[in-house]
Amino acid sequence: MTAPVVLTAIDRRGVATVTLNRPEVNNAYDDRIIAGLGAALSELAKDTALRLVVLRGNGRHFQAGADLAFLRHLASAP
């Protein structure tokens, strides 16, 4: 089982933390991170008590841009 690529938590003050969780590739985005981020933000948008969203990345880097393997896959798609 693989770890989720996007983590979400909301504290008692109404502050949500959305964390990109692919530190092994410096949180480079791919189809899973894009879908996970979209789903997390859509779910958070439903919370009327939410006051703030903090976006962060696990590991040494916030986000490294596109995952090169993901871009190669997109380039070879029909």
N, C-alpha and C. Protein backbone atom coordinates (compact mmCIF):
# COMPACT_ATOMS: atom_id res chain seq x y z
N MET A 1 0.84 -1.18 0.00
CA MET A 1 0.00 0.00 0.00
C MET A 1 0.89 1.24 0.00
N THR A 2 0.58 2.20 -0.85
CA THR A 2 1.36 3.42 -0.93
C THR A 2 0.73 4.53 -0.08
N ALA A 3 1.56 5.42 0.39
CA ALA A 3 1.09 6.54 1.20
C ALA A 3 0.31 7.52 0.31
N PRO A 4 -0.67 8.22 0.89
CA PRO A 4 -1.38 9.23 0.11
C PRO A 4 -0.41 10.33 -0.34
N VAL A 5 -0.62 10.85 -1.54
CA VAL A 5 0.28 11.88 -2.06
C VAL A 5 -0.15 13.28 -1.64
N VAL A 6 -1.36 13.41 -1.11
CA VAL A 6 -1.83 14.69 -0.57
C VAL A 6 -2.47 14.40 0.78
N LEU A 7 -2.00 15.10 1.81
CA LEU A 7 -2.52 14.93 3.16
C LEU A 7 -3.28 16.19 3.55
N THR A 8 -4.37 16.02 4.29
CA THR A 8 -5.17 17.16 4.72
C THR A 8 -5.49 17.04 6.20
N ALA A 9 -5.38 18.16 6.91
CA ALA A 9 -5.75 18.22 8.32
C ALA A 9 -6.36 19.58 8.60
N ILE A 10 -7.34 19.61 9.49
CA ILE A 10 -7.96 20.87 9.91
C ILE A 10 -7.86 20.95 11.42
N ASP A 11 -7.35 22.08 11.92
CA ASP A 11 -7.25 22.23 13.37
C ASP A 11 -8.51 22.87 13.94
N ARG A 12 -8.56 23.00 15.25
CA ARG A 12 -9.77 23.49 15.93
C ARG A 12 -10.06 24.96 15.63
N ARG A 13 -9.07 25.69 15.10
CA ARG A 13 -9.28 27.10 14.75
C ARG A 13 -9.87 27.28 13.36
N GLY A 14 -9.98 26.18 12.61
CA GLY A 14 -10.47 26.27 11.24
C GLY A 14 -9.37 26.50 10.22
N VAL A 15 -8.15 26.13 10.60
CA VAL A 15 -7.00 26.26 9.69
C VAL A 15 -6.70 24.88 9.10
N ALA A 16 -6.80 24.79 7.79
CA ALA A 16 -6.51 23.53 7.10
C ALA A 16 -5.07 23.55 6.61
N THR A 17 -4.40 22.42 6.73
CA THR A 17 -3.08 22.24 6.16
C THR A 17 -3.17 21.15 5.10
N VAL A 18 -2.81 21.51 3.89
CA VAL A 18 -2.77 20.56 2.77
C VAL A 18 -1.29 20.34 2.46
N THR A 19 -0.85 19.08 2.55
CA THR A 19 0.57 18.77 2.41
C THR A 19 0.80 17.87 1.21
N LEU A 20 1.65 18.32 0.30
CA LEU A 20 2.09 17.47 -0.81
C LEU A 20 3.03 16.44 -0.21
N ASN A 21 2.82 15.17 -0.53
CA ASN A 21 3.52 14.09 0.15
C ASN A 21 4.23 13.15 -0.82
N ARG A 22 5.15 13.70 -1.60
CA ARG A 22 6.03 12.88 -2.45
C ARG A 22 7.47 13.36 -2.24
N PRO A 23 7.96 13.32 -1.00
CA PRO A 23 9.28 13.89 -0.74
C PRO A 23 10.41 13.20 -1.49
N GLU A 24 10.21 11.94 -1.87
CA GLU A 24 11.27 11.22 -2.60
C GLU A 24 11.57 11.82 -3.96
N VAL A 25 10.62 12.61 -4.51
CA VAL A 25 10.83 13.31 -5.79
C VAL A 25 10.59 14.81 -5.62
N ASN A 26 10.88 15.29 -4.40
CA ASN A 26 10.73 16.73 -4.09
C ASN A 26 9.33 17.26 -4.39
N ASN A 27 8.32 16.40 -4.17
CA ASN A 27 6.92 16.75 -4.36
C ASN A 27 6.59 17.19 -5.79
N ALA A 28 7.32 16.64 -6.74
CA ALA A 28 7.03 16.94 -8.15
C ALA A 28 5.62 16.45 -8.48
N TYR A 29 4.92 17.26 -9.26
CA TYR A 29 3.54 16.87 -9.54
C TYR A 29 3.44 15.83 -10.66
N ASP A 30 2.45 14.98 -10.49
CA ASP A 30 2.06 14.00 -11.50
C ASP A 30 0.55 13.90 -11.47
N ASP A 31 -0.02 12.94 -12.18
CA ASP A 31 -1.48 12.84 -12.22
C ASP A 31 -2.09 12.57 -10.84
N ARG A 32 -1.38 11.83 -9.99
CA ARG A 32 -1.92 11.54 -8.66
C ARG A 32 -1.94 12.76 -7.76
N ILE A 33 -0.89 13.55 -7.82
CA ILE A 33 -0.85 14.75 -6.98
C ILE A 33 -1.85 15.78 -7.48
N ILE A 34 -2.00 15.91 -8.78
CA ILE A 34 -2.97 16.86 -9.34
C ILE A 34 -4.38 16.47 -8.92
N ALA A 35 -4.71 15.20 -9.07
CA ALA A 35 -6.05 14.72 -8.68
C ALA A 35 -6.26 14.84 -7.17
N GLY A 36 -5.24 14.49 -6.39
CA GLY A 36 -5.35 14.56 -4.94
C GLY A 36 -5.52 15.98 -4.44
N LEU A 37 -4.80 16.90 -5.03
CA LEU A 37 -4.90 18.30 -4.64
C LEU A 37 -6.28 18.86 -5.00
N GLY A 38 -6.75 18.53 -6.18
CA GLY A 38 -8.09 18.96 -6.59
C GLY A 38 -9.17 18.41 -5.67
N ALA A 39 -9.07 17.14 -5.34
CA ALA A 39 -10.06 16.51 -4.46
C ALA A 39 -10.01 17.12 -3.06
N ALA A 40 -8.82 17.34 -2.54
CA ALA A 40 -8.68 17.92 -1.19
C ALA A 40 -9.27 19.32 -1.14
N LEU A 41 -8.96 20.14 -2.12
CA LEU A 41 -9.47 21.51 -2.12
C LEU A 41 -10.98 21.54 -2.33
N SER A 42 -11.51 20.66 -3.15
CA SER A 42 -12.97 20.57 -3.34
C SER A 42 -13.66 20.19 -2.05
N GLU A 43 -13.07 19.26 -1.32
CA GLU A 43 -13.65 18.83 -0.04
C GLU A 43 -13.57 19.96 0.99
N LEU A 44 -12.45 20.65 1.03
CA LEU A 44 -12.30 21.76 1.98
C LEU A 44 -13.27 22.90 1.67
N ALA A 45 -13.58 23.10 0.41
CA ALA A 45 -14.49 24.18 0.01
C ALA A 45 -15.89 24.00 0.61
N LYS A 46 -16.24 22.79 0.99
CA LYS A 46 -17.54 22.50 1.57
C LYS A 46 -17.63 22.87 3.05
N ASP A 47 -16.49 23.10 3.68
CA ASP A 47 -16.44 23.36 5.12
C ASP A 47 -16.65 24.84 5.40
N THR A 48 -17.82 25.21 5.89
CA THR A 48 -18.15 26.62 6.13
C THR A 48 -17.39 27.21 7.33
N ALA A 49 -16.81 26.37 8.18
CA ALA A 49 -16.05 26.85 9.32
C ALA A 49 -14.57 27.09 8.99
N LEU A 50 -14.17 26.73 7.79
CA LEU A 50 -12.77 26.87 7.38
C LEU A 50 -12.41 28.35 7.24
N ARG A 51 -11.26 28.72 7.80
CA ARG A 51 -10.82 30.12 7.78
C ARG A 51 -9.60 30.35 6.90
N LEU A 52 -8.76 29.32 6.78
CA LEU A 52 -7.49 29.49 6.10
C LEU A 52 -6.98 28.15 5.61
N VAL A 53 -6.31 28.15 4.46
CA VAL A 53 -5.67 26.93 3.95
C VAL A 53 -4.18 27.21 3.79
N VAL A 54 -3.37 26.35 4.39
CA VAL A 54 -1.92 26.42 4.27
C VAL A 54 -1.49 25.27 3.37
N LEU A 55 -0.74 25.59 2.33
CA LEU A 55 -0.24 24.57 1.41
C LEU A 55 1.25 24.40 1.68
N ARG A 56 1.66 23.15 1.93
CA ARG A 56 3.06 22.89 2.23
C ARG A 56 3.51 21.59 1.55
N GLY A 57 4.79 21.34 1.58
CA GLY A 57 5.34 20.11 1.03
C GLY A 57 6.15 19.36 2.07
N ASN A 58 6.03 18.05 2.10
CA ASN A 58 6.86 17.22 2.98
C ASN A 58 8.27 17.15 2.42
N GLY A 59 9.25 17.07 3.30
CA GLY A 59 10.63 16.92 2.87
C GLY A 59 11.35 18.25 2.77
N ARG A 60 12.45 18.24 2.05
CA ARG A 60 13.32 19.42 1.96
C ARG A 60 12.78 20.51 1.05
N HIS A 61 11.92 20.16 0.10
CA HIS A 61 11.45 21.14 -0.88
C HIS A 61 9.93 21.20 -0.89
N PHE A 62 9.42 22.40 -1.13
CA PHE A 62 7.97 22.55 -1.23
C PHE A 62 7.45 21.79 -2.45
N GLN A 63 7.97 22.12 -3.62
CA GLN A 63 7.49 21.50 -4.85
C GLN A 63 8.49 21.75 -5.95
N ALA A 64 8.83 20.72 -6.71
CA ALA A 64 9.90 20.81 -7.70
C ALA A 64 9.40 21.02 -9.13
N GLY A 65 8.10 21.21 -9.32
CA GLY A 65 7.58 21.31 -10.68
C GLY A 65 7.07 19.96 -11.14
N ALA A 66 7.10 19.76 -12.44
CA ALA A 66 6.55 18.53 -13.01
C ALA A 66 7.51 17.36 -12.85
N ASP A 67 6.95 16.19 -12.58
CA ASP A 67 7.70 14.94 -12.56
C ASP A 67 8.05 14.61 -14.01
N LEU A 68 9.32 14.46 -14.31
CA LEU A 68 9.75 14.24 -15.70
C LEU A 68 9.18 12.95 -16.29
N ALA A 69 9.03 11.91 -15.48
CA ALA A 69 8.43 10.66 -15.97
C ALA A 69 6.97 10.91 -16.35
N PHE A 70 6.27 11.73 -15.60
CA PHE A 70 4.89 12.09 -15.91
C PHE A 70 4.83 12.86 -17.23
N LEU A 71 5.75 13.80 -17.44
CA LEU A 71 5.76 14.54 -18.70
C LEU A 71 6.07 13.66 -19.88
N ARG A 72 6.98 12.69 -19.72
CA ARG A 72 7.27 11.76 -20.81
C ARG A 72 6.05 10.93 -21.15
N HIS A 73 5.34 10.50 -20.12
CA HIS A 73 4.10 9.74 -20.32
C HIS A 73 3.07 10.58 -21.09
N LEU A 74 2.92 11.84 -20.72
CA LEU A 74 1.98 12.72 -21.42
C LEU A 74 2.39 12.92 -22.88
N ALA A 75 3.68 13.08 -23.10
CA ALA A 75 4.17 13.32 -24.46
C ALA A 75 3.95 12.11 -25.37
N SER A 76 3.95 10.91 -24.80
CA SER A 76 3.78 9.71 -25.62
C SER A 76 2.32 9.29 -25.75
N ALA A 77 1.42 9.97 -25.05
CA ALA A 77 -0.01 9.62 -25.12
C ALA A 77 -0.58 10.01 -26.48
N PRO A 78 -1.47 9.19 -27.01
CA PRO A 78 -2.05 9.51 -28.34
C PRO A 78 -2.96 10.72 -28.29
